[in-house]
Amino acid sequence: MQAKASLVARINDGTGAFPFVSVEVSRRGIKLPVEKDGKFFEPDRVLGFYVRYTDNGRRKIEKVGKDP
């Protein structure tokens, strides 16, 4: 069985919480700007990209870098 992985971005939304937001990926690459709750965040507000997946029933998050 193949694990399902999703790409997420950690953003600076100005609240100090630095939430993770799902990122849309297409054949051309990562869709920018990133959207959260109807607000759009430009690439300079993205702190880094992460891969989220499940391994043996435990959620894992690994940093893959800042460059889209």
PDB file of N, CA and C in Angstrom:
ATOM      1  N   MET A   1       0.836  -1.176   0.000  1.00  0.00           N
ATOM      2  CA  MET A   1       0.000   0.000   0.000  1.00  0.00           C
ATOM      3  C   MET A   1       0.883   1.242   0.000  1.00  0.00           C
ATOM      4  N   GLN A   2       0.557   2.168  -0.849  1.00  0.00           N
ATOM      5  CA  GLN A   2       1.359   3.372  -0.979  1.00  0.00           C
ATOM      6  C   GLN A   2       0.834   4.458  -0.040  1.00  0.00           C
ATOM      7  N   ALA A   3       1.746   5.125   0.650  1.00  0.00           N
ATOM      8  CA  ALA A   3       1.357   6.181   1.571  1.00  0.00           C
ATOM      9  C   ALA A   3       0.948   7.425   0.795  1.00  0.00           C
ATOM     10  N   LYS A   4      -0.066   8.130   1.299  1.00  0.00           N
ATOM     11  CA  LYS A   4      -0.503   9.363   0.678  1.00  0.00           C
ATOM     12  C   LYS A   4       0.222  10.511   1.357  1.00  0.00           C
ATOM     13  N   ALA A   5       0.903  11.306   0.567  1.00  0.00           N
ATOM     14  CA  ALA A   5       1.630  12.450   1.094  1.00  0.00           C
ATOM     15  C   ALA A   5       1.004  13.726   0.565  1.00  0.00           C
ATOM     16  N   SER A   6       1.027  14.769   1.380  1.00  0.00           N
ATOM     17  CA  SER A   6       0.520  16.060   0.938  1.00  0.00           C
ATOM     18  C   SER A   6       1.571  17.119   1.233  1.00  0.00           C
ATOM     19  N   LEU A   7       1.584  18.133   0.388  1.00  0.00           N
ATOM     20  CA  LEU A   7       2.525  19.237   0.541  1.00  0.00           C
ATOM     21  C   LEU A   7       1.822  20.356   1.287  1.00  0.00           C
ATOM     22  N   VAL A   8       2.467  20.875   2.319  1.00  0.00           N
ATOM     23  CA  VAL A   8       1.929  21.986   3.093  1.00  0.00           C
ATOM     24  C   VAL A   8       2.994  23.066   3.206  1.00  0.00           C
ATOM     25  N   ALA A   9       2.542  24.278   3.436  1.00  0.00           N
ATOM     26  CA  ALA A   9       3.447  25.409   3.626  1.00  0.00           C
ATOM     27  C   ALA A   9       3.176  26.015   4.992  1.00  0.00           C
ATOM     28  N   ARG A  10       4.219  26.458   5.644  1.00  0.00           N
ATOM     29  CA  ARG A  10       4.063  27.184   6.902  1.00  0.00           C
ATOM     30  C   ARG A  10       4.152  28.658   6.551  1.00  0.00           C
ATOM     31  N   ILE A  11       3.141  29.429   6.948  1.00  0.00           N
ATOM     32  CA  ILE A  11       3.085  30.829   6.543  1.00  0.00           C
ATOM     33  C   ILE A  11       3.074  31.763   7.746  1.00  0.00           C
ATOM     34  N   ASN A  12       3.480  32.984   7.497  1.00  0.00           N
ATOM     35  CA  ASN A  12       3.390  34.044   8.488  1.00  0.00           C
ATOM     36  C   ASN A  12       2.134  34.829   8.158  1.00  0.00           C
ATOM     37  N   ASP A  13       1.059  34.582   8.909  1.00  0.00           N
ATOM     38  CA  ASP A  13      -0.210  35.251   8.639  1.00  0.00           C
ATOM     39  C   ASP A  13      -0.411  36.503   9.490  1.00  0.00           C
ATOM     40  N   GLY A  14       0.603  36.891  10.253  1.00  0.00           N
ATOM     41  CA  GLY A  14       0.531  38.095  11.056  1.00  0.00           C
ATOM     42  C   GLY A  14      -0.034  37.898  12.448  1.00  0.00           C
ATOM     43  N   THR A  15      -0.509  36.694  12.775  1.00  0.00           N
ATOM     44  CA  THR A  15      -1.090  36.440  14.092  1.00  0.00           C
ATOM     45  C   THR A  15      -0.073  35.876  15.079  1.00  0.00           C
ATOM     46  N   GLY A  16       1.076  35.446  14.584  1.00  0.00           N
ATOM     47  CA  GLY A  16       2.078  34.838  15.443  1.00  0.00           C
ATOM     48  C   GLY A  16       1.914  33.346  15.598  1.00  0.00           C
ATOM     49  N   ALA A  17       0.904  32.755  14.947  1.00  0.00           N
ATOM     50  CA  ALA A  17       0.644  31.318  15.076  1.00  0.00           C
ATOM     51  C   ALA A  17       1.417  30.493  14.047  1.00  0.00           C
ATOM     52  N   PHE A  18       1.768  31.059  12.898  1.00  0.00           N
ATOM     53  CA  PHE A  18       2.498  30.393  11.819  1.00  0.00           C
ATOM     54  C   PHE A  18       1.856  29.061  11.425  1.00  0.00           C
ATOM     55  N   PRO A  19       0.613  29.098  10.907  1.00  0.00           N
ATOM     56  CA  PRO A  19      -0.124  27.868  10.587  1.00  0.00           C
ATOM     57  C   PRO A  19       0.408  27.149   9.354  1.00  0.00           C
ATOM     58  N   PHE A  20       0.076  25.857   9.277  1.00  0.00           N
ATOM     59  CA  PHE A  20       0.347  25.053   8.088  1.00  0.00           C
ATOM     60  C   PHE A  20      -0.855  25.170   7.157  1.00  0.00           C
ATOM     61  N   VAL A  21      -0.595  25.336   5.858  1.00  0.00           N
ATOM     62  CA  VAL A  21      -1.651  25.491   4.871  1.00  0.00           C
ATOM     63  C   VAL A  21      -1.369  24.520   3.723  1.00  0.00           C
ATOM     64  N   SER A  22      -2.405  23.801   3.284  1.00  0.00           N
ATOM     65  CA  SER A  22      -2.237  22.896   2.144  1.00  0.00           C
ATOM     66  C   SER A  22      -1.885  23.686   0.893  1.00  0.00           C
ATOM     67  N   VAL A  23      -1.010  23.092   0.074  1.00  0.00           N
ATOM     68  CA  VAL A  23      -0.544  23.747  -1.143  1.00  0.00           C
ATOM     69  C   VAL A  23      -0.982  22.918  -2.338  1.00  0.00           C
ATOM     70  N   GLU A  24      -1.449  23.592  -3.367  1.00  0.00           N
ATOM     71  CA  GLU A  24      -1.867  22.912  -4.587  1.00  0.00           C
ATOM     72  C   GLU A  24      -0.658  22.706  -5.494  1.00  0.00           C
ATOM     73  N   VAL A  25      -0.493  21.457  -5.966  1.00  0.00           N
ATOM     74  CA  VAL A  25       0.625  21.110  -6.833  1.00  0.00           C
ATOM     75  C   VAL A  25       0.072  20.647  -8.173  1.00  0.00           C
ATOM     76  N   SER A  26       0.647  21.169  -9.256  1.00  0.00           N
ATOM     77  CA  SER A  26       0.245  20.747 -10.599  1.00  0.00           C
ATOM     78  C   SER A  26       1.483  20.302 -11.368  1.00  0.00           C
ATOM     79  N   ARG A  27       1.293  19.981 -12.625  1.00  0.00           N
ATOM     80  CA  ARG A  27       2.443  19.555 -13.437  1.00  0.00           C
ATOM     81  C   ARG A  27       3.455  20.680 -13.606  1.00  0.00           C
ATOM     82  N   ARG A  28       3.011  21.909 -13.511  1.00  0.00           N
ATOM     83  CA  ARG A  28       3.905  23.063 -13.657  1.00  0.00           C
ATOM     84  C   ARG A  28       4.630  23.427 -12.376  1.00  0.00           C
ATOM     85  N   GLY A  29       4.199  22.865 -11.258  1.00  0.00           N
ATOM     86  CA  GLY A  29       4.850  23.149  -9.982  1.00  0.00           C
ATOM     87  C   GLY A  29       3.850  23.562  -8.922  1.00  0.00           C
ATOM     88  N   ILE A  30       4.318  24.298  -7.943  1.00  0.00           N
ATOM     89  CA  ILE A  30       3.497  24.730  -6.818  1.00  0.00           C
ATOM     90  C   ILE A  30       2.729  25.986  -7.211  1.00  0.00           C
ATOM     91  N   LYS A  31       1.428  25.993  -6.909  1.00  0.00           N
ATOM     92  CA  LYS A  31       0.595  27.145  -7.229  1.00  0.00           C
ATOM     93  C   LYS A  31       0.806  28.229  -6.170  1.00  0.00           C
ATOM     94  N   LEU A  32       1.259  29.380  -6.613  1.00  0.00           N
ATOM     95  CA  LEU A  32       1.473  30.521  -5.728  1.00  0.00           C
ATOM     96  C   LEU A  32       0.614  31.671  -6.215  1.00  0.00           C
ATOM     97  N   PRO A  33       0.092  32.538  -5.387  1.00  0.00           N
ATOM     98  CA  PRO A  33       0.247  32.625  -3.940  1.00  0.00           C
ATOM     99  C   PRO A  33      -0.572  31.572  -3.218  1.00  0.00           C
ATOM    100  N   VAL A  34      -0.217  31.320  -1.958  1.00  0.00           N
ATOM    101  CA  VAL A  34      -0.883  30.336  -1.118  1.00  0.00           C
ATOM    102  C   VAL A  34      -2.144  30.976  -0.537  1.00  0.00           C
ATOM    103  N   GLU A  35      -3.251  30.203  -0.472  1.00  0.00           N
ATOM    104  CA  GLU A  35      -4.516  30.738   0.022  1.00  0.00           C
ATOM    105  C   GLU A  35      -4.910  30.081   1.337  1.00  0.00           C
ATOM    106  N   LYS A  36      -5.402  30.920   2.273  1.00  0.00           N
ATOM    107  CA  LYS A  36      -5.927  30.423   3.549  1.00  0.00           C
ATOM    108  C   LYS A  36      -7.115  31.286   3.940  1.00  0.00           C
ATOM    109  N   ASP A  37      -8.276  30.670   4.088  1.00  0.00           N
ATOM    110  CA  ASP A  37      -9.497  31.359   4.508  1.00  0.00           C
ATOM    111  C   ASP A  37      -9.821  32.574   3.634  1.00  0.00           C
ATOM    112  N   GLY A  38      -9.618  32.449   2.333  1.00  0.00           N
ATOM    113  CA  GLY A  38      -9.931  33.532   1.407  1.00  0.00           C
ATOM    114  C   GLY A  38      -8.859  34.597   1.304  1.00  0.00           C
ATOM    115  N   LYS A  39      -7.808  34.497   2.088  1.00  0.00           N
ATOM    116  CA  LYS A  39      -6.695  35.456   2.029  1.00  0.00           C
ATOM    117  C   LYS A  39      -5.551  34.814   1.258  1.00  0.00           C
ATOM    118  N   PHE A  40      -4.847  35.617   0.493  1.00  0.00           N
ATOM    119  CA  PHE A  40      -3.727  35.128  -0.299  1.00  0.00           C
ATOM    120  C   PHE A  40      -2.419  35.618   0.304  1.00  0.00           C
ATOM    121  N   PHE A  41      -1.430  34.704   0.344  1.00  0.00           N
ATOM    122  CA  PHE A  41      -0.121  35.016   0.912  1.00  0.00           C
ATOM    123  C   PHE A  41       0.946  34.832  -0.157  1.00  0.00           C
ATOM    124  N   GLU A  42       1.696  35.875  -0.408  1.00  0.00           N
ATOM    125  CA  GLU A  42       2.753  35.861  -1.416  1.00  0.00           C
ATOM    126  C   GLU A  42       3.924  34.993  -0.956  1.00  0.00           C
ATOM    127  N   PRO A  43       4.806  34.605  -1.887  1.00  0.00           N
ATOM    128  CA  PRO A  43       5.934  33.726  -1.536  1.00  0.00           C
ATOM    129  C   PRO A  43       6.849  34.262  -0.430  1.00  0.00           C
ATOM    130  N   ASP A  44       6.928  35.581  -0.260  1.00  0.00           N
ATOM    131  CA  ASP A  44       7.793  36.109   0.804  1.00  0.00           C
ATOM    132  C   ASP A  44       7.207  35.858   2.197  1.00  0.00           C
ATOM    133  N   ARG A  45       5.921  35.496   2.300  1.00  0.00           N
ATOM    134  CA  ARG A  45       5.284  35.170   3.577  1.00  0.00           C
ATOM    135  C   ARG A  45       5.381  33.686   3.911  1.00  0.00           C
ATOM    136  N   VAL A  46       5.872  32.874   2.956  1.00  0.00           N
ATOM    137  CA  VAL A  46       6.020  31.431   3.173  1.00  0.00           C
ATOM    138  C   VAL A  46       7.342  31.187   3.901  1.00  0.00           C
ATOM    139  N   LEU A  47       7.286  30.520   5.051  1.00  0.00           N
ATOM    140  CA  LEU A  47       8.482  30.245   5.836  1.00  0.00           C
ATOM    141  C   LEU A  47       9.175  28.967   5.393  1.00  0.00           C
ATOM    142  N   GLY A  48       8.425  28.026   4.824  1.00  0.00           N
ATOM    143  CA  GLY A  48       9.010  26.775   4.360  1.00  0.00           C
ATOM    144  C   GLY A  48       7.930  25.824   3.884  1.00  0.00           C
ATOM    145  N   PHE A  49       8.362  24.814   3.122  1.00  0.00           N
ATOM    146  CA  PHE A  49       7.465  23.787   2.626  1.00  0.00           C
ATOM    147  C   PHE A  49       7.758  22.476   3.345  1.00  0.00           C
ATOM    148  N   TYR A  50       6.698  21.714   3.607  1.00  0.00           N
ATOM    149  CA  TYR A  50       6.799  20.468   4.351  1.00  0.00           C
ATOM    150  C   TYR A  50       5.989  19.388   3.660  1.00  0.00           C
ATOM    151  N   VAL A  51       6.375  18.126   3.861  1.00  0.00           N
ATOM    152  CA  VAL A  51       5.607  16.979   3.384  1.00  0.00           C
ATOM    153  C   VAL A  51       4.972  16.336   4.607  1.00  0.00           C
ATOM    154  N   ARG A  52       3.649  16.139   4.542  1.00  0.00           N
ATOM    155  CA  ARG A  52       2.909  15.517   5.647  1.00  0.00           C
ATOM    156  C   ARG A  52       2.423  14.152   5.167  1.00  0.00           C
ATOM    157  N   TYR A  53       2.702  13.104   5.966  1.00  0.00           N
ATOM    158  CA  TYR A  53       2.291  11.750   5.608  1.00  0.00           C
ATOM    159  C   TYR A  53       2.116  10.932   6.876  1.00  0.00           C
ATOM    160  N   THR A  54       1.516   9.757   6.728  1.00  0.00           N
ATOM    161  CA  THR A  54       1.302   8.855   7.856  1.00  0.00           C
ATOM    162  C   THR A  54       2.248   7.667   7.736  1.00  0.00           C
ATOM    163  N   ASP A  55       2.923   7.330   8.835  1.00  0.00           N
ATOM    164  CA  ASP A  55       3.859   6.210   8.875  1.00  0.00           C
ATOM    165  C   ASP A  55       3.509   5.359  10.089  1.00  0.00           C
ATOM    166  N   ASN A  56       3.008   4.147   9.843  1.00  0.00           N
ATOM    167  CA  ASN A  56       2.598   3.234  10.914  1.00  0.00           C
ATOM    168  C   ASN A  56       1.603   3.876  11.876  1.00  0.00           C
ATOM    169  N   GLY A  57       0.636   4.619  11.325  1.00  0.00           N
ATOM    170  CA  GLY A  57      -0.396   5.226  12.142  1.00  0.00           C
ATOM    171  C   GLY A  57      -0.016   6.515  12.820  1.00  0.00           C
ATOM    172  N   ARG A  58       1.190   7.005  12.597  1.00  0.00           N
ATOM    173  CA  ARG A  58       1.642   8.256  13.212  1.00  0.00           C
ATOM    174  C   ARG A  58       1.869   9.303  12.133  1.00  0.00           C
ATOM    175  N   ARG A  59       1.405  10.513  12.391  1.00  0.00           N
ATOM    176  CA  ARG A  59       1.587  11.595  11.436  1.00  0.00           C
ATOM    177  C   ARG A  59       3.030  12.091  11.470  1.00  0.00           C
ATOM    178  N   LYS A  60       3.631  12.182  10.306  1.00  0.00           N
ATOM    179  CA  LYS A  60       5.002  12.674  10.184  1.00  0.00           C
ATOM    180  C   LYS A  60       4.993  13.935   9.334  1.00  0.00           C
ATOM    181  N   ILE A  61       5.830  14.898   9.683  1.00  0.00           N
ATOM    182  CA  ILE A  61       6.004  16.117   8.912  1.00  0.00           C
ATOM    183  C   ILE A  61       7.495  16.337   8.749  1.00  0.00           C
ATOM    184  N   GLU A  62       7.935  16.440   7.483  1.00  0.00           N
ATOM    185  CA  GLU A  62       9.354  16.658   7.201  1.00  0.00           C
ATOM    186  C   GLU A  62       9.533  17.893   6.339  1.00  0.00           C
ATOM    187  N   LYS A  63      10.494  18.719   6.712  1.00  0.00           N
ATOM    188  CA  LYS A  63      10.781  19.931   5.956  1.00  0.00           C
ATOM    189  C   LYS A  63      11.502  19.578   4.662  1.00  0.00           C
ATOM    190  N   VAL A  64      11.052  20.215   3.563  1.00  0.00           N
ATOM    191  CA  VAL A  64      11.680  19.956   2.267  1.00  0.00           C
ATOM    192  C   VAL A  64      12.349  21.212   1.701  1.00  0.00           C
ATOM    193  N   GLY A  65      12.227  22.342   2.380  1.00  0.00           N
ATOM    194  CA  GLY A  65      12.924  23.552   1.951  1.00  0.00           C
ATOM    195  C   GLY A  65      12.013  24.737   1.791  1.00  0.00           C
ATOM    196  N   LYS A  66      12.597  25.867   1.409  1.00  0.00           N
ATOM    197  CA  LYS A  66      11.844  27.111   1.239  1.00  0.00           C
ATOM    198  C   LYS A  66      11.595  27.433  -0.218  1.00  0.00           C
ATOM    199  N   ASP A  67      12.424  26.957  -1.102  1.00  0.00           N
ATOM    200  CA  ASP A  67      12.339  27.269  -2.522  1.00  0.00           C
ATOM    201  C   ASP A  67      11.217  26.462  -3.184  1.00  0.00           C
ATOM    202  N   PRO A  68      10.217  27.134  -3.770  1.00  0.00           N
ATOM    203  CA  PRO A  68       9.124  26.378  -4.407  1.00  0.00           C
ATOM    204  C   PRO A  68       9.591  25.640  -5.646  1.00  0.00           C
TER     205      PRO A  68
END
